[in-house]
Amino acid sequence: MSLVWSRRTFARIQPTTKYRADLGLRLEGQAPVGRLEPSRIHETLRLQASLASPVEVDSEGLDWHQRAHEEDS
């Protein structure tokens, strides 16, 4: 599922396995660090984080999502 704002896709959630989904993010200038890794989802979404349980949707992940959304505005 692509998340699109006014100009373009800023994030995408993609089921990867039966038990995991990947969150691809368009974050300009952000290096892969910690749970963020280079994206295999799409070349315009440079980073991704793998999510295996609802617990992994934490404040850090929500901050990434919010930042990608704001950068697209």
N, C-alpha and C. Protein backbone atom coordinates (compact mmCIF):
# COMPACT_ATOMS: atom_id res chain seq x y z
N MET A 1 0.84 -1.16 0.00
CA MET A 1 0.00 0.00 0.00
C MET A 1 0.89 1.23 0.00
N SER A 2 0.68 2.10 -0.95
CA SER A 2 1.45 3.34 -1.04
C SER A 2 0.75 4.44 -0.26
N LEU A 3 1.55 5.26 0.41
CA LEU A 3 1.04 6.42 1.11
C LEU A 3 1.47 7.65 0.31
N VAL A 4 0.49 8.35 -0.24
CA VAL A 4 0.75 9.46 -1.14
C VAL A 4 0.18 10.73 -0.53
N TRP A 5 0.95 11.80 -0.60
CA TRP A 5 0.48 13.10 -0.16
C TRP A 5 0.30 13.96 -1.39
N SER A 6 0.50 15.21 -1.31
CA SER A 6 0.17 16.12 -2.40
C SER A 6 1.02 15.92 -3.65
N ARG A 7 2.27 15.56 -3.49
CA ARG A 7 3.15 15.52 -4.66
C ARG A 7 3.56 14.12 -5.10
N ARG A 8 3.77 13.23 -4.13
CA ARG A 8 4.36 11.95 -4.50
C ARG A 8 4.18 10.94 -3.38
N THR A 9 4.63 9.73 -3.63
CA THR A 9 4.60 8.69 -2.61
C THR A 9 5.71 8.97 -1.61
N PHE A 10 5.35 9.06 -0.33
CA PHE A 10 6.37 9.31 0.69
C PHE A 10 6.66 8.07 1.53
N ALA A 11 5.82 7.05 1.43
CA ALA A 11 6.03 5.80 2.15
C ALA A 11 5.24 4.69 1.48
N ARG A 12 5.68 3.46 1.74
CA ARG A 12 4.97 2.31 1.21
C ARG A 12 5.10 1.16 2.20
N ILE A 13 4.00 0.50 2.47
CA ILE A 13 3.99 -0.68 3.32
C ILE A 13 3.81 -1.88 2.41
N GLN A 14 4.74 -2.81 2.54
CA GLN A 14 4.72 -3.97 1.64
C GLN A 14 4.88 -5.25 2.45
N PRO A 15 3.90 -6.17 2.34
CA PRO A 15 4.09 -7.47 3.00
C PRO A 15 5.27 -8.19 2.35
N THR A 16 6.15 -8.70 3.19
CA THR A 16 7.36 -9.33 2.68
C THR A 16 7.33 -10.84 2.90
N THR A 17 6.89 -11.24 4.06
CA THR A 17 6.72 -12.66 4.37
C THR A 17 5.38 -12.80 5.09
N LYS A 18 5.06 -13.99 5.48
CA LYS A 18 3.81 -14.23 6.21
C LYS A 18 3.80 -13.49 7.55
N TYR A 19 4.97 -13.22 8.10
CA TYR A 19 5.06 -12.63 9.43
C TYR A 19 5.77 -11.28 9.46
N ARG A 20 6.06 -10.69 8.31
CA ARG A 20 6.80 -9.44 8.30
C ARG A 20 6.31 -8.54 7.18
N ALA A 21 6.32 -7.24 7.47
CA ALA A 21 6.05 -6.22 6.46
C ALA A 21 7.20 -5.23 6.48
N ASP A 22 7.49 -4.65 5.33
CA ASP A 22 8.54 -3.64 5.24
C ASP A 22 7.90 -2.29 5.00
N LEU A 23 8.41 -1.29 5.69
CA LEU A 23 7.96 0.09 5.54
C LEU A 23 9.05 0.84 4.81
N GLY A 24 8.79 1.20 3.56
CA GLY A 24 9.73 1.99 2.76
C GLY A 24 9.44 3.46 2.97
N LEU A 25 10.50 4.27 3.10
CA LEU A 25 10.36 5.69 3.40
C LEU A 25 11.21 6.54 2.48
N ARG A 26 10.65 7.68 2.09
CA ARG A 26 11.41 8.68 1.33
C ARG A 26 11.91 9.69 2.37
N LEU A 27 13.13 9.49 2.82
CA LEU A 27 13.75 10.38 3.80
C LEU A 27 15.03 10.94 3.19
N GLU A 28 14.98 12.18 2.77
CA GLU A 28 16.13 12.80 2.12
C GLU A 28 17.23 13.07 3.15
N GLY A 29 18.45 12.73 2.80
CA GLY A 29 19.59 13.03 3.65
C GLY A 29 19.75 12.13 4.86
N GLN A 30 18.92 11.13 5.01
CA GLN A 30 19.01 10.21 6.15
C GLN A 30 19.85 9.00 5.74
N ALA A 31 20.86 8.72 6.52
CA ALA A 31 21.69 7.54 6.26
C ALA A 31 21.05 6.32 6.90
N PRO A 32 21.28 5.14 6.33
CA PRO A 32 20.79 3.92 6.96
C PRO A 32 21.50 3.73 8.30
N VAL A 33 20.73 3.68 9.37
CA VAL A 33 21.29 3.52 10.71
C VAL A 33 20.27 2.83 11.59
N GLY A 34 20.73 1.99 12.49
CA GLY A 34 19.81 1.27 13.38
C GLY A 34 18.90 0.36 12.59
N ARG A 35 17.60 0.51 12.79
CA ARG A 35 16.62 -0.33 12.08
C ARG A 35 16.40 0.10 10.65
N LEU A 36 16.84 1.30 10.29
CA LEU A 36 16.71 1.76 8.91
C LEU A 36 17.82 1.14 8.07
N GLU A 37 17.44 0.57 6.96
CA GLU A 37 18.40 -0.05 6.06
C GLU A 37 18.10 0.40 4.63
N PRO A 38 19.04 0.22 3.71
CA PRO A 38 18.76 0.56 2.31
C PRO A 38 17.52 -0.20 1.82
N SER A 39 16.69 0.49 1.08
CA SER A 39 15.42 -0.09 0.65
C SER A 39 15.56 -1.00 -0.55
N ARG A 40 14.79 -2.08 -0.52
CA ARG A 40 14.65 -2.97 -1.67
C ARG A 40 13.25 -2.82 -2.26
N ILE A 41 12.46 -1.91 -1.71
CA ILE A 41 11.06 -1.75 -2.13
C ILE A 41 10.96 -0.97 -3.44
N HIS A 42 11.63 0.18 -3.50
CA HIS A 42 11.55 1.03 -4.69
C HIS A 42 12.70 2.01 -4.63
N GLU A 43 13.26 2.37 -5.78
CA GLU A 43 14.43 3.25 -5.79
C GLU A 43 14.16 4.65 -5.25
N THR A 44 12.93 5.13 -5.31
CA THR A 44 12.64 6.46 -4.77
C THR A 44 12.43 6.45 -3.26
N LEU A 45 12.15 5.29 -2.71
CA LEU A 45 12.04 5.15 -1.26
C LEU A 45 13.36 4.56 -0.78
N ARG A 46 14.29 5.42 -0.43
CA ARG A 46 15.67 5.01 -0.22
C ARG A 46 15.90 4.16 1.01
N LEU A 47 15.02 4.24 2.00
CA LEU A 47 15.22 3.52 3.25
C LEU A 47 14.02 2.65 3.58
N GLN A 48 14.25 1.62 4.39
CA GLN A 48 13.15 0.78 4.83
C GLN A 48 13.44 0.26 6.23
N ALA A 49 12.36 -0.10 6.90
CA ALA A 49 12.44 -0.76 8.20
C ALA A 49 11.52 -1.97 8.15
N SER A 50 12.01 -3.08 8.65
CA SER A 50 11.20 -4.30 8.69
C SER A 50 10.41 -4.34 9.99
N LEU A 51 9.13 -4.70 9.87
CA LEU A 51 8.24 -4.75 11.03
C LEU A 51 7.67 -6.15 11.15
N ALA A 52 7.95 -6.80 12.28
CA ALA A 52 7.50 -8.18 12.47
C ALA A 52 6.37 -8.27 13.49
N SER A 53 6.13 -7.19 14.22
CA SER A 53 5.03 -7.21 15.20
C SER A 53 4.56 -5.78 15.44
N PRO A 54 3.35 -5.62 15.95
CA PRO A 54 2.84 -4.28 16.24
C PRO A 54 3.71 -3.49 17.23
N VAL A 55 4.43 -4.19 18.08
CA VAL A 55 5.31 -3.53 19.04
C VAL A 55 6.40 -2.72 18.33
N GLU A 56 6.79 -3.14 17.14
CA GLU A 56 7.83 -2.45 16.40
C GLU A 56 7.34 -1.15 15.75
N VAL A 57 6.05 -0.89 15.80
CA VAL A 57 5.51 0.39 15.36
C VAL A 57 5.55 1.29 16.60
N ASP A 58 6.75 1.82 16.87
CA ASP A 58 6.98 2.59 18.08
C ASP A 58 7.16 4.07 17.74
N SER A 59 7.57 4.86 18.71
CA SER A 59 7.72 6.30 18.50
C SER A 59 8.79 6.61 17.45
N GLU A 60 9.85 5.81 17.39
CA GLU A 60 10.88 6.02 16.38
C GLU A 60 10.30 5.83 14.97
N GLY A 61 9.54 4.76 14.77
CA GLY A 61 8.92 4.50 13.48
C GLY A 61 7.89 5.56 13.11
N LEU A 62 7.13 6.01 14.09
CA LEU A 62 6.15 7.07 13.83
C LEU A 62 6.85 8.38 13.49
N ASP A 63 7.98 8.65 14.12
CA ASP A 63 8.75 9.86 13.79
C ASP A 63 9.26 9.81 12.35
N TRP A 64 9.75 8.64 11.91
CA TRP A 64 10.20 8.51 10.52
C TRP A 64 9.05 8.79 9.56
N HIS A 65 7.90 8.20 9.86
CA HIS A 65 6.71 8.38 9.01
C HIS A 65 6.34 9.86 8.96
N GLN A 66 6.29 10.52 10.09
CA GLN A 66 5.92 11.92 10.16
C GLN A 66 6.93 12.78 9.38
N ARG A 67 8.20 12.49 9.53
CA ARG A 67 9.24 13.25 8.83
C ARG A 67 9.12 13.07 7.32
N ALA A 68 8.89 11.85 6.85
CA ALA A 68 8.73 11.61 5.42
C ALA A 68 7.51 12.37 4.89
N HIS A 69 6.44 12.39 5.66
CA HIS A 69 5.22 13.12 5.27
C HIS A 69 5.49 14.61 5.19
N GLU A 70 6.18 15.16 6.20
CA GLU A 70 6.47 16.59 6.21
C GLU A 70 7.41 17.00 5.09
N GLU A 71 8.39 16.16 4.77
CA GLU A 71 9.30 16.46 3.66
C GLU A 71 8.58 16.48 2.32
N ASP A 72 7.49 15.77 2.23
CA ASP A 72 6.72 15.73 0.98
C ASP A 72 5.80 16.94 0.83
N SER A 73 5.51 17.60 1.94
CA SER A 73 4.58 18.74 1.91
C SER A 73 5.16 19.95 1.24
